């Protein structure tokens, strides 16, 4: 896989997602709104990426991000869901999330069960 758009920088407000990351998977995510998702370059490959993230004016942390439709959940719209490798004391909806996507990890996959996901 070669994504000629990397590194890719974007930012936007954190919005409520589907509520599955924390509740079902134990992996909280910070989600961008549809406008930020729509700004992805044409042909930007869906999948799992890694890089850096910053909330408001806080420190920079490692992150992984899922970009796509999440086949297991059969989403009907593309999303950008960022898991920041840090434990935050509380939710930060409406905060500004800045990310630098550095590399591609793997394509989107479908799984047979929630446990496999």
PDB file of N, CA and C in Angstrom:
ATOM      1  N   UNK A   1       0.851  -1.177   0.000  1.00  0.00           N
ATOM      2  CA  UNK A   1       0.000   0.000   0.000  1.00  0.00           C
ATOM      3  C   UNK A   1       0.890   1.232   0.000  1.00  0.00           C
ATOM      4  N   UNK A   2       0.587   2.138  -0.825  1.00  0.00           N
ATOM      5  CA  UNK A   2       1.302   3.407  -0.830  1.00  0.00           C
ATOM      6  C   UNK A   2       0.275   4.523  -0.800  1.00  0.00           C
ATOM      7  N   UNK A   3       0.282   5.299   0.252  1.00  0.00           N
ATOM      8  CA  UNK A   3      -0.628   6.434   0.328  1.00  0.00           C
ATOM      9  C   UNK A   3       0.211   7.685   0.178  1.00  0.00           C
ATOM     10  N   UNK A   4       0.179   8.264  -0.994  1.00  0.00           N
ATOM     11  CA  UNK A   4       0.998   9.427  -1.302  1.00  0.00           C
ATOM     12  C   UNK A   4       0.566  10.678  -0.553  1.00  0.00           C
ATOM     13  N   UNK A   5      -0.506  10.593   0.206  1.00  0.00           N
ATOM     14  CA  UNK A   5      -1.013  11.750   0.944  1.00  0.00           C
ATOM     15  C   UNK A   5      -0.371  11.882   2.329  1.00  0.00           C
ATOM     16  N   UNK A   6       0.503  10.947   2.707  1.00  0.00           N
ATOM     17  CA  UNK A   6       1.089  10.962   4.051  1.00  0.00           C
ATOM     18  C   UNK A   6       2.408  11.710   4.073  1.00  0.00           C
ATOM     19  N   UNK A   7       2.719  12.409   5.143  1.00  0.00           N
ATOM     20  CA  UNK A   7       1.867  12.595   6.313  1.00  0.00           C
ATOM     21  C   UNK A   7       0.663  13.478   5.990  1.00  0.00           C
ATOM     22  N   UNK A   8      -0.410  13.232   6.711  1.00  0.00           N
ATOM     23  CA  UNK A   8      -1.646  13.985   6.510  1.00  0.00           C
ATOM     24  C   UNK A   8      -2.009  14.668   7.826  1.00  0.00           C
ATOM     25  N   UNK A   9      -2.229  15.960   7.764  1.00  0.00           N
ATOM     26  CA  UNK A   9      -2.578  16.754   8.941  1.00  0.00           C
ATOM     27  C   UNK A   9      -4.028  17.212   8.822  1.00  0.00           C
ATOM     28  N   UNK A  10      -4.767  17.109   9.929  1.00  0.00           N
ATOM     29  CA  UNK A  10      -6.125  17.642   9.956  1.00  0.00           C
ATOM     30  C   UNK A  10      -6.494  17.990  11.387  1.00  0.00           C
ATOM     31  N   UNK A  11      -7.548  18.761  11.522  1.00  0.00           N
ATOM     32  CA  UNK A  11      -8.031  19.114  12.857  1.00  0.00           C
ATOM     33  C   UNK A  11      -9.513  19.435  12.775  1.00  0.00           C
ATOM     34  N   UNK A  12     -10.158  19.364  13.920  1.00  0.00           N
ATOM     35  CA  UNK A  12     -11.574  19.679  13.993  1.00  0.00           C
ATOM     36  C   UNK A  12     -12.106  19.412  15.381  1.00  0.00           C
ATOM     37  N   UNK A  13     -13.369  19.718  15.563  1.00  0.00           N
ATOM     38  CA  UNK A  13     -14.020  19.508  16.853  1.00  0.00           C
ATOM     39  C   UNK A  13     -14.300  18.022  17.068  1.00  0.00           C
ATOM     40  N   UNK A  14     -14.196  17.600  18.328  1.00  0.00           N
ATOM     41  CA  UNK A  14     -14.528  16.224  18.701  1.00  0.00           C
ATOM     42  C   UNK A  14     -16.039  16.141  18.885  1.00  0.00           C
ATOM     43  N   UNK A  15     -16.652  15.174  18.199  1.00  0.00           N
ATOM     44  CA  UNK A  15     -18.103  14.981  18.277  1.00  0.00           C
ATOM     45  C   UNK A  15     -18.409  13.596  18.820  1.00  0.00           C
ATOM     46  N   UNK A  16     -19.632  13.426  19.292  1.00  0.00           N
ATOM     47  CA  UNK A  16     -20.055  12.105  19.762  1.00  0.00           C
ATOM     48  C   UNK A  16     -20.119  11.158  18.581  1.00  0.00           C
ATOM     49  N   UNK A  17     -19.595   9.968  18.794  1.00  0.00           N
ATOM     50  CA  UNK A  17     -19.645   8.945  17.763  1.00  0.00           C
ATOM     51  C   UNK A  17     -20.817   8.011  18.016  1.00  0.00           C
ATOM     52  N   UNK A  18     -20.613   6.747  17.683  1.00  0.00           N
ATOM     53  CA  UNK A  18     -21.664   5.747  17.841  1.00  0.00           C
ATOM     54  C   UNK A  18     -21.752   5.229  19.275  1.00  0.00           C
ATOM     55  N   UNK A  19     -20.741   5.511  20.101  1.00  0.00           N
ATOM     56  CA  UNK A  19     -20.738   5.038  21.481  1.00  0.00           C
ATOM     57  C   UNK A  19     -20.280   3.605  21.625  1.00  0.00           C
ATOM     58  N   UNK A  20     -19.642   3.066  20.603  1.00  0.00           N
ATOM     59  CA  UNK A  20     -19.231   1.658  20.650  1.00  0.00           C
ATOM     60  C   UNK A  20     -17.809   1.486  21.159  1.00  0.00           C
ATOM     61  N   UNK A  21     -16.933   2.444  20.866  1.00  0.00           N
ATOM     62  CA  UNK A  21     -15.523   2.304  21.223  1.00  0.00           C
ATOM     63  C   UNK A  21     -15.323   2.054  22.699  1.00  0.00           C
ATOM     64  N   UNK A  22     -15.878   2.909  23.517  1.00  0.00           N
ATOM     65  CA  UNK A  22     -15.727   2.762  24.967  1.00  0.00           C
ATOM     66  C   UNK A  22     -16.609   1.657  25.517  1.00  0.00           C
ATOM     67  N   UNK A  23     -17.876   1.662  25.132  1.00  0.00           N
ATOM     68  CA  UNK A  23     -18.846   0.758  25.743  1.00  0.00           C
ATOM     69  C   UNK A  23     -18.661  -0.697  25.335  1.00  0.00           C
ATOM     70  N   UNK A  24     -18.509  -0.964  24.055  1.00  0.00           N
ATOM     71  CA  UNK A  24     -18.441  -2.345  23.585  1.00  0.00           C
ATOM     72  C   UNK A  24     -17.027  -2.893  23.524  1.00  0.00           C
ATOM     73  N   UNK A  25     -16.066  -2.016  23.259  1.00  0.00           N
ATOM     74  CA  UNK A  25     -14.707  -2.493  23.016  1.00  0.00           C
ATOM     75  C   UNK A  25     -13.713  -2.098  24.098  1.00  0.00           C
ATOM     76  N   UNK A  26     -14.077  -1.150  24.956  1.00  0.00           N
ATOM     77  CA  UNK A  26     -13.138  -0.675  25.962  1.00  0.00           C
ATOM     78  C   UNK A  26     -12.013   0.155  25.369  1.00  0.00           C
ATOM     79  N   UNK A  27     -12.245   0.684  24.175  1.00  0.00           N
ATOM     80  CA  UNK A  27     -11.249   1.494  23.470  1.00  0.00           C
ATOM     81  C   UNK A  27     -11.919   2.808  23.082  1.00  0.00           C
ATOM     82  N   UNK A  28     -11.828   3.821  23.940  1.00  0.00           N
ATOM     83  CA  UNK A  28     -12.491   5.090  23.618  1.00  0.00           C
ATOM     84  C   UNK A  28     -11.889   5.749  22.386  1.00  0.00           C
ATOM     85  N   UNK A  29     -12.743   6.392  21.614  1.00  0.00           N
ATOM     86  CA  UNK A  29     -12.281   7.099  20.422  1.00  0.00           C
ATOM     87  C   UNK A  29     -12.790   8.530  20.428  1.00  0.00           C
ATOM     88  N   UNK A  30     -12.005   9.391  19.814  1.00  0.00           N
ATOM     89  CA  UNK A  30     -12.401  10.779  19.574  1.00  0.00           C
ATOM     90  C   UNK A  30     -12.743  10.868  18.094  1.00  0.00           C
ATOM     91  N   UNK A  31     -13.945  11.305  17.801  1.00  0.00           N
ATOM     92  CA  UNK A  31     -14.446  11.282  16.434  1.00  0.00           C
ATOM     93  C   UNK A  31     -14.542  12.675  15.835  1.00  0.00           C
ATOM     94  N   UNK A  32     -14.149  12.769  14.562  1.00  0.00           N
ATOM     95  CA  UNK A  32     -14.291  14.014  13.821  1.00  0.00           C
ATOM     96  C   UNK A  32     -15.687  14.098  13.223  1.00  0.00           C
ATOM     97  N   UNK A  33     -16.159  15.315  13.003  1.00  0.00           N
ATOM     98  CA  UNK A  33     -17.463  15.482  12.369  1.00  0.00           C
ATOM     99  C   UNK A  33     -17.368  15.196  10.869  1.00  0.00           C
ATOM    100  N   UNK A  34     -18.516  15.112  10.238  1.00  0.00           N
ATOM    101  CA  UNK A  34     -18.589  14.749   8.819  1.00  0.00           C
ATOM    102  C   UNK A  34     -17.820  15.717   7.924  1.00  0.00           C
ATOM    103  N   UNK A  35     -17.762  16.981   8.298  1.00  0.00           N
ATOM    104  CA  UNK A  35     -17.063  17.966   7.471  1.00  0.00           C
ATOM    105  C   UNK A  35     -15.574  17.635   7.377  1.00  0.00           C
ATOM    106  N   UNK A  36     -14.953  17.263   8.488  1.00  0.00           N
ATOM    107  CA  UNK A  36     -13.530  16.900   8.471  1.00  0.00           C
ATOM    108  C   UNK A  36     -13.329  15.646   7.624  1.00  0.00           C
ATOM    109  N   UNK A  37     -14.215  14.673   7.782  1.00  0.00           N
ATOM    110  CA  UNK A  37     -14.122  13.435   6.999  1.00  0.00           C
ATOM    111  C   UNK A  37     -14.234  13.749   5.513  1.00  0.00           C
ATOM    112  N   UNK A  38     -15.109  14.665   5.156  1.00  0.00           N
ATOM    113  CA  UNK A  38     -15.316  14.998   3.739  1.00  0.00           C
ATOM    114  C   UNK A  38     -14.098  15.675   3.116  1.00  0.00           C
ATOM    115  N   UNK A  39     -13.203  16.192   3.927  1.00  0.00           N
ATOM    116  CA  UNK A  39     -12.003  16.862   3.418  1.00  0.00           C
ATOM    117  C   UNK A  39     -10.853  15.903   3.110  1.00  0.00           C
ATOM    118  N   UNK A  40     -11.026  14.615   3.425  1.00  0.00           N
ATOM    119  CA  UNK A  40      -9.986  13.647   3.061  1.00  0.00           C
ATOM    120  C   UNK A  40      -9.753  13.709   1.552  1.00  0.00           C
ATOM    121  N   UNK A  41      -8.513  13.616   1.121  1.00  0.00           N
ATOM    122  CA  UNK A  41      -8.243  13.654  -0.320  1.00  0.00           C
ATOM    123  C   UNK A  41      -8.951  12.512  -1.051  1.00  0.00           C
ATOM    124  N   UNK A  42      -9.374  12.744  -2.289  1.00  0.00           N
ATOM    125  CA  UNK A  42      -9.987  11.665  -3.068  1.00  0.00           C
ATOM    126  C   UNK A  42      -9.020  10.483  -3.150  1.00  0.00           C
ATOM    127  N   UNK A  43      -9.530   9.305  -2.960  1.00  0.00           N
ATOM    128  CA  UNK A  43      -8.694   8.117  -3.054  1.00  0.00           C
ATOM    129  C   UNK A  43      -7.916   7.782  -1.795  1.00  0.00           C
ATOM    130  N   UNK A  44      -8.103   8.557  -0.721  1.00  0.00           N
ATOM    131  CA  UNK A  44      -7.414   8.252   0.539  1.00  0.00           C
ATOM    132  C   UNK A  44      -7.921   6.900   1.016  1.00  0.00           C
ATOM    133  N   UNK A  45      -7.045   5.948   1.127  1.00  0.00           N
ATOM    134  CA  UNK A  45      -7.426   4.565   1.414  1.00  0.00           C
ATOM    135  C   UNK A  45      -8.002   4.415   2.817  1.00  0.00           C
ATOM    136  N   UNK A  46      -9.090   3.665   2.922  1.00  0.00           N
ATOM    137  CA  UNK A  46      -9.642   3.366   4.238  1.00  0.00           C
ATOM    138  C   UNK A  46      -8.748   2.346   4.927  1.00  0.00           C
ATOM    139  N   UNK A  47      -8.839   2.323   6.247  1.00  0.00           N
ATOM    140  CA  UNK A  47      -8.039   1.377   7.012  1.00  0.00           C
ATOM    141  C   UNK A  47      -7.640   1.951   8.356  1.00  0.00           C
ATOM    142  N   UNK A  48      -6.627   1.326   8.948  1.00  0.00           N
ATOM    143  CA  UNK A  48      -6.128   1.737  10.254  1.00  0.00           C
ATOM    144  C   UNK A  48      -4.776   2.410  10.068  1.00  0.00           C
ATOM    145  N   UNK A  49      -4.652   3.590  10.653  1.00  0.00           N
ATOM    146  CA  UNK A  49      -3.453   4.414  10.536  1.00  0.00           C
ATOM    147  C   UNK A  49      -2.876   4.693  11.919  1.00  0.00           C
ATOM    148  N   UNK A  50      -1.645   5.195  11.942  1.00  0.00           N
ATOM    149  CA  UNK A  50      -1.025   5.605  13.202  1.00  0.00           C
ATOM    150  C   UNK A  50      -0.396   6.983  13.038  1.00  0.00           C
ATOM    151  N   UNK A  51      -0.177   7.631  14.171  1.00  0.00           N
ATOM    152  CA  UNK A  51       0.434   8.953  14.129  1.00  0.00           C
ATOM    153  C   UNK A  51       0.416   9.611  15.486  1.00  0.00           C
ATOM    154  N   UNK A  52       0.181  10.919  15.476  1.00  0.00           N
ATOM    155  CA  UNK A  52       0.204  11.741  16.679  1.00  0.00           C
ATOM    156  C   UNK A  52      -1.102  12.526  16.793  1.00  0.00           C
ATOM    157  N   UNK A  53      -1.505  12.805  18.034  1.00  0.00           N
ATOM    158  CA  UNK A  53      -2.730  13.565  18.272  1.00  0.00           C
ATOM    159  C   UNK A  53      -2.533  14.523  19.434  1.00  0.00           C
ATOM    160  N   UNK A  54      -3.276  15.615  19.374  1.00  0.00           N
ATOM    161  CA  UNK A  54      -3.219  16.642  20.413  1.00  0.00           C
ATOM    162  C   UNK A  54      -4.630  17.172  20.629  1.00  0.00           C
ATOM    163  N   UNK A  55      -5.051  17.271  21.880  1.00  0.00           N
ATOM    164  CA  UNK A  55      -6.359  17.818  22.223  1.00  0.00           C
ATOM    165  C   UNK A  55      -6.160  19.235  22.754  1.00  0.00           C
ATOM    166  N   UNK A  56      -6.823  20.187  22.110  1.00  0.00           N
ATOM    167  CA  UNK A  56      -6.681  21.608  22.449  1.00  0.00           C
ATOM    168  C   UNK A  56      -5.195  21.969  22.494  1.00  0.00           C
ATOM    169  N   UNK A  57      -4.741  22.556  23.584  1.00  0.00           N
ATOM    170  CA  UNK A  57      -3.331  22.946  23.692  1.00  0.00           C
ATOM    171  C   UNK A  57      -2.542  21.985  24.573  1.00  0.00           C
ATOM    172  N   UNK A  58      -3.049  20.770  24.721  1.00  0.00           N
ATOM    173  CA  UNK A  58      -2.395  19.779  25.571  1.00  0.00           C
ATOM    174  C   UNK A  58      -1.189  19.143  24.912  1.00  0.00           C
ATOM    175  N   UNK A  59      -0.625  18.147  25.584  1.00  0.00           N
ATOM    176  CA  UNK A  59       0.542  17.453  25.037  1.00  0.00           C
ATOM    177  C   UNK A  59       0.180  16.608  23.816  1.00  0.00           C
ATOM    178  N   UNK A  60       1.197  16.192  23.105  1.00  0.00           N
ATOM    179  CA  UNK A  60       1.036  15.332  21.929  1.00  0.00           C
ATOM    180  C   UNK A  60       1.166  13.880  22.384  1.00  0.00           C
ATOM    181  N   UNK A  61       0.241  13.029  21.897  1.00  0.00           N
ATOM    182  CA  UNK A  61       0.239  11.611  22.244  1.00  0.00           C
ATOM    183  C   UNK A  61       0.225  10.762  20.976  1.00  0.00           C
ATOM    184  N   UNK A  62       0.667   9.524  21.112  1.00  0.00           N
ATOM    185  CA  UNK A  62       0.536   8.558  20.026  1.00  0.00           C
ATOM    186  C   UNK A  62      -0.944   8.268  19.819  1.00  0.00           C
ATOM    187  N   UNK A  63      -1.287   7.910  18.600  1.00  0.00           N
ATOM    188  CA  UNK A  63      -2.682   7.555  18.308  1.00  0.00           C
ATOM    189  C   UNK A  63      -2.731   6.519  17.201  1.00  0.00           C
ATOM    190  N   UNK A  64      -3.865   5.818  17.149  1.00  0.00           N
ATOM    191  CA  UNK A  64      -4.241   5.001  15.997  1.00  0.00           C
ATOM    192  C   UNK A  64      -5.613   5.488  15.566  1.00  0.00           C
ATOM    193  N   UNK A  65      -5.875   5.420  14.272  1.00  0.00           N
ATOM    194  CA  UNK A  65      -7.134   5.942  13.743  1.00  0.00           C
ATOM    195  C   UNK A  65      -7.720   4.976  12.726  1.00  0.00           C
ATOM    196  N   UNK A  66      -9.002   4.729  12.868  1.00  0.00           N
ATOM    197  CA  UNK A  66      -9.745   3.966  11.874  1.00  0.00           C
ATOM    198  C   UNK A  66     -10.433   4.960  10.946  1.00  0.00           C
ATOM    199  N   UNK A  67     -10.185   4.794   9.657  1.00  0.00           N
ATOM    200  CA  UNK A  67     -10.844   5.622   8.651  1.00  0.00           C
ATOM    201  C   UNK A  67     -11.633   4.691   7.744  1.00  0.00           C
ATOM    202  N   UNK A  68     -12.936   4.892   7.682  1.00  0.00           N
ATOM    203  CA  UNK A  68     -13.733   4.058   6.791  1.00  0.00           C
ATOM    204  C   UNK A  68     -15.135   3.825   7.301  1.00  0.00           C
ATOM    205  N   UNK A  69     -15.671   2.669   6.917  1.00  0.00           N
ATOM    206  CA  UNK A  69     -17.073   2.348   7.196  1.00  0.00           C
ATOM    207  C   UNK A  69     -17.242   1.284   8.269  1.00  0.00           C
ATOM    208  N   UNK A  70     -16.159   0.792   8.838  1.00  0.00           N
ATOM    209  CA  UNK A  70     -16.225  -0.235   9.880  1.00  0.00           C
ATOM    210  C   UNK A  70     -17.153  -1.383   9.467  1.00  0.00           C
ATOM    211  N   UNK A  71     -16.660  -2.276   8.618  1.00  0.00           N
ATOM    212  CA  UNK A  71     -17.509  -3.322   8.044  1.00  0.00           C
ATOM    213  C   UNK A  71     -18.259  -4.178   9.069  1.00  0.00           C
ATOM    214  N   UNK A  72     -17.671  -4.427  10.232  1.00  0.00           N
ATOM    215  CA  UNK A  72     -18.356  -5.240  11.244  1.00  0.00           C
ATOM    216  C   UNK A  72     -19.686  -4.606  11.631  1.00  0.00           C
ATOM    217  N   UNK A  73     -19.705  -3.277  11.728  1.00  0.00           N
ATOM    218  CA  UNK A  73     -20.916  -2.559  12.126  1.00  0.00           C
ATOM    219  C   UNK A  73     -21.761  -2.107  10.940  1.00  0.00           C
ATOM    220  N   UNK A  74     -21.261  -2.318   9.735  1.00  0.00           N
ATOM    221  CA  UNK A  74     -21.997  -1.974   8.519  1.00  0.00           C
ATOM    222  C   UNK A  74     -22.427  -0.501   8.502  1.00  0.00           C
ATOM    223  N   UNK A  75     -21.498   0.371   8.845  1.00  0.00           N
ATOM    224  CA  UNK A  75     -21.794   1.811   8.825  1.00  0.00           C
ATOM    225  C   UNK A  75     -22.165   2.254   7.418  1.00  0.00           C
ATOM    226  N   UNK A  76     -23.035   3.246   7.326  1.00  0.00           N
ATOM    227  CA  UNK A  76     -23.434   3.756   6.013  1.00  0.00           C
ATOM    228  C   UNK A  76     -22.697   5.038   5.652  1.00  0.00           C
ATOM    229  N   UNK A  77     -21.929   5.588   6.598  1.00  0.00           N
ATOM    230  CA  UNK A  77     -21.125   6.764   6.274  1.00  0.00           C
ATOM    231  C   UNK A  77     -19.706   6.567   6.797  1.00  0.00           C
ATOM    232  N   UNK A  78     -18.779   7.160   6.088  1.00  0.00           N
ATOM    233  CA  UNK A  78     -17.368   7.066   6.451  1.00  0.00           C
ATOM    234  C   UNK A  78     -17.121   7.853   7.733  1.00  0.00           C
ATOM    235  N   UNK A  79     -16.237   7.324   8.571  1.00  0.00           N
ATOM    236  CA  UNK A  79     -15.887   8.012   9.812  1.00  0.00           C
ATOM    237  C   UNK A  79     -14.374   8.025   9.997  1.00  0.00           C
ATOM    238  N   UNK A  80     -13.929   8.918  10.877  1.00  0.00           N
ATOM    239  CA  UNK A  80     -12.528   8.990  11.307  1.00  0.00           C
ATOM    240  C   UNK A  80     -12.560   8.909  12.829  1.00  0.00           C
ATOM    241  N   UNK A  81     -12.166   7.750  13.366  1.00  0.00           N
ATOM    242  CA  UNK A  81     -12.251   7.486  14.797  1.00  0.00           C
ATOM    243  C   UNK A  81     -10.840   7.330  15.352  1.00  0.00           C
ATOM    244  N   UNK A  82     -10.450   8.247  16.236  1.00  0.00           N
ATOM    245  CA  UNK A  82      -9.092   8.314  16.757  1.00  0.00           C
ATOM    246  C   UNK A  82      -9.026   7.755  18.170  1.00  0.00           C
ATOM    247  N   UNK A  83      -8.159   6.758  18.372  1.00  0.00           N
ATOM    248  CA  UNK A  83      -7.881   6.253  19.719  1.00  0.00           C
ATOM    249  C   UNK A  83      -6.541   6.830  20.146  1.00  0.00           C
ATOM    250  N   UNK A  84      -6.576   7.708  21.128  1.00  0.00           N
ATOM    251  CA  UNK A  84      -5.362   8.348  21.634  1.00  0.00           C
ATOM    252  C   UNK A  84      -4.783   7.463  22.733  1.00  0.00           C
ATOM    253  N   UNK A  85      -3.483   7.196  22.644  1.00  0.00           N
ATOM    254  CA  UNK A  85      -2.824   6.306  23.599  1.00  0.00           C
ATOM    255  C   UNK A  85      -2.505   7.108  24.868  1.00  0.00           C
ATOM    256  N   UNK A  86      -3.547   7.364  25.613  1.00  0.00           N
ATOM    257  CA  UNK A  86      -3.455   8.108  26.871  1.00  0.00           C
ATOM    258  C   UNK A  86      -4.807   7.964  27.563  1.00  0.00           C
ATOM    259  N   UNK A  87      -4.798   7.917  28.872  1.00  0.00           N
ATOM    260  CA  UNK A  87      -6.045   7.874  29.625  1.00  0.00           C
ATOM    261  C   UNK A  87      -6.413   9.289  30.053  1.00  0.00           C
ATOM    262  N   UNK A  88      -7.521   9.767  29.540  1.00  0.00           N
ATOM    263  CA  UNK A  88      -8.007  11.100  29.888  1.00  0.00           C
ATOM    264  C   UNK A  88      -8.980  10.980  31.061  1.00  0.00           C
ATOM    265  N   UNK A  89      -8.987  11.948  31.971  1.00  0.00           N
ATOM    266  CA  UNK A  89      -9.856  11.855  33.144  1.00  0.00           C
ATOM    267  C   UNK A  89     -11.344  12.020  32.824  1.00  0.00           C
ATOM    268  N   UNK A  90     -11.647  12.632  31.680  1.00  0.00           N
ATOM    269  CA  UNK A  90     -13.053  12.845  31.312  1.00  0.00           C
ATOM    270  C   UNK A  90     -13.166  13.008  29.799  1.00  0.00           C
ATOM    271  N   UNK A  91     -14.397  12.944  29.305  1.00  0.00           N
ATOM    272  CA  UNK A  91     -14.641  13.151  27.877  1.00  0.00           C
ATOM    273  C   UNK A  91     -14.242  14.567  27.482  1.00  0.00           C
ATOM    274  N   UNK A  92     -13.923  14.742  26.207  1.00  0.00           N
ATOM    275  CA  UNK A  92     -13.534  16.076  25.737  1.00  0.00           C
ATOM    276  C   UNK A  92     -14.263  16.450  24.451  1.00  0.00           C
ATOM    277  N   UNK A  93     -15.578  16.185  24.420  1.00  0.00           N
ATOM    278  CA  UNK A  93     -16.403  16.611  23.293  1.00  0.00           C
ATOM    279  C   UNK A  93     -16.301  18.122  23.129  1.00  0.00           C
ATOM    280  N   UNK A  94     -16.361  18.575  21.893  1.00  0.00           N
ATOM    281  CA  UNK A  94     -16.265  19.989  21.512  1.00  0.00           C
ATOM    282  C   UNK A  94     -14.857  20.563  21.632  1.00  0.00           C
ATOM    283  N   UNK A  95     -13.903  19.763  22.096  1.00  0.00           N
ATOM    284  CA  UNK A  95     -12.507  20.204  22.095  1.00  0.00           C
ATOM    285  C   UNK A  95     -11.972  20.108  20.676  1.00  0.00           C
ATOM    286  N   UNK A  96     -10.860  20.781  20.416  1.00  0.00           N
ATOM    287  CA  UNK A  96     -10.223  20.694  19.105  1.00  0.00           C
ATOM    288  C   UNK A  96      -9.199  19.567  19.118  1.00  0.00           C
ATOM    289  N   UNK A  97      -9.353  18.647  18.188  1.00  0.00           N
ATOM    290  CA  UNK A  97      -8.419  17.535  18.019  1.00  0.00           C
ATOM    291  C   UNK A  97      -7.579  17.808  16.786  1.00  0.00           C
ATOM    292  N   UNK A  98      -6.276  17.757  16.963  1.00  0.00           N
ATOM    293  CA  UNK A  98      -5.340  17.911  15.847  1.00  0.00           C
ATOM    294  C   UNK A  98      -4.603  16.595  15.694  1.00  0.00           C
ATOM    295  N   UNK A  99      -4.518  16.095  14.464  1.00  0.00           N
ATOM    296  CA  UNK A  99      -3.809  14.839  14.233  1.00  0.00           C
ATOM    297  C   UNK A  99      -2.832  14.968  13.079  1.00  0.00           C
ATOM    298  N   UNK A 100      -1.792  14.175  13.185  1.00  0.00           N
ATOM    299  CA  UNK A 100      -0.829  13.990  12.106  1.00  0.00           C
ATOM    300  C   UNK A 100      -0.800  12.496  11.829  1.00  0.00           C
ATOM    301  N   UNK A 101      -1.330  12.100  10.682  1.00  0.00           N
ATOM    302  CA  UNK A 101      -1.334  10.690  10.293  1.00  0.00           C
ATOM    303  C   UNK A 101      -0.017  10.416   9.579  1.00  0.00           C
ATOM    304  N   UNK A 102       0.773   9.524  10.157  1.00  0.00           N
ATOM    305  CA  UNK A 102       2.106   9.249   9.627  1.00  0.00           C
ATOM    306  C   UNK A 102       2.182   8.008   8.754  1.00  0.00           C
ATOM    307  N   UNK A 103       1.430   6.977   9.119  1.00  0.00           N
ATOM    308  CA  UNK A 103       1.574   5.729   8.379  1.00  0.00           C
ATOM    309  C   UNK A 103       0.322   4.884   8.400  1.00  0.00           C
ATOM    310  N   UNK A 104       0.353   3.895   7.530  1.00  0.00           N
ATOM    311  CA  UNK A 104      -0.769   2.982   7.314  1.00  0.00           C
ATOM    312  C   UNK A 104      -0.447   1.663   7.988  1.00  0.00           C
ATOM    313  N   UNK A 105      -1.379   1.123   8.757  1.00  0.00           N
ATOM    314  CA  UNK A 105      -1.165  -0.148   9.462  1.00  0.00           C
ATOM    315  C   UNK A 105      -1.779  -1.331   8.717  1.00  0.00           C
ATOM    316  N   UNK A 106      -3.072  -1.207   8.363  1.00  0.00           N
ATOM    317  CA  UNK A 106      -3.757  -2.319   7.694  1.00  0.00           C
ATOM    318  C   UNK A 106      -5.077  -1.839   7.100  1.00  0.00           C
ATOM    319  N   UNK A 107      -5.648  -2.633   6.181  1.00  0.00           N
ATOM    320  CA  UNK A 107      -6.959  -2.266   5.624  1.00  0.00           C
ATOM    321  C   UNK A 107      -8.074  -2.520   6.640  1.00  0.00           C
ATOM    322  N   UNK A 108      -9.252  -1.988   6.334  1.00  0.00           N
ATOM    323  CA  UNK A 108     -10.432  -2.315   7.137  1.00  0.00           C
ATOM    324  C   UNK A 108     -10.707  -3.800   6.987  1.00  0.00           C
ATOM    325  N   UNK A 109     -11.118  -4.418   8.072  1.00  0.00           N
ATOM    326  CA  UNK A 109     -11.435  -5.842   8.043  1.00  0.00           C
ATOM    327  C   UNK A 109     -12.812  -6.064   8.645  1.00  0.00           C
ATOM    328  N   UNK A 110     -13.466  -7.124   8.186  1.00  0.00           N
ATOM    329  CA  UNK A 110     -14.697  -7.544   8.825  1.00  0.00           C
ATOM    330  C   UNK A 110     -14.341  -8.677   9.776  1.00  0.00           C
ATOM    331  N   UNK A 111     -15.071  -8.819  10.848  1.00  0.00           N
ATOM    332  CA  UNK A 111     -14.801  -9.845  11.836  1.00  0.00           C
ATOM    333  C   UNK A 111     -16.056 -10.672  12.047  1.00  0.00           C
ATOM    334  N   UNK A 112     -15.866 -11.938  12.467  1.00  0.00           N
ATOM    335  CA  UNK A 112     -16.991 -12.843  12.670  1.00  0.00           C
ATOM    336  C   UNK A 112     -17.775 -12.555  13.944  1.00  0.00           C
ATOM    337  N   UNK A 113     -17.128 -11.885  14.904  1.00  0.00           N
ATOM    338  CA  UNK A 113     -17.788 -11.623  16.180  1.00  0.00           C
ATOM    339  C   UNK A 113     -17.179 -10.391  16.834  1.00  0.00           C
ATOM    340  N   UNK A 114     -17.878  -9.871  17.832  1.00  0.00           N
ATOM    341  CA  UNK A 114     -17.372  -8.729  18.582  1.00  0.00           C
ATOM    342  C   UNK A 114     -16.073  -9.096  19.287  1.00  0.00           C
ATOM    343  N   UNK A 115     -15.986 -10.326  19.784  1.00  0.00           N
ATOM    344  CA  UNK A 115     -14.771 -10.792  20.451  1.00  0.00           C
ATOM    345  C   UNK A 115     -13.559 -10.782  19.542  1.00  0.00           C
ATOM    346  N   UNK A 116     -13.752 -11.121  18.275  1.00  0.00           N
ATOM    347  CA  UNK A 116     -12.650 -11.118  17.306  1.00  0.00           C
ATOM    348  C   UNK A 116     -12.240  -9.698  16.942  1.00  0.00           C
ATOM    349  N   UNK A 117     -13.218  -8.787  16.945  1.00  0.00           N
ATOM    350  CA  UNK A 117     -12.940  -7.390  16.624  1.00  0.00           C
ATOM    351  C   UNK A 117     -11.966  -6.817  17.634  1.00  0.00           C
TER     352      UNK A 117
END
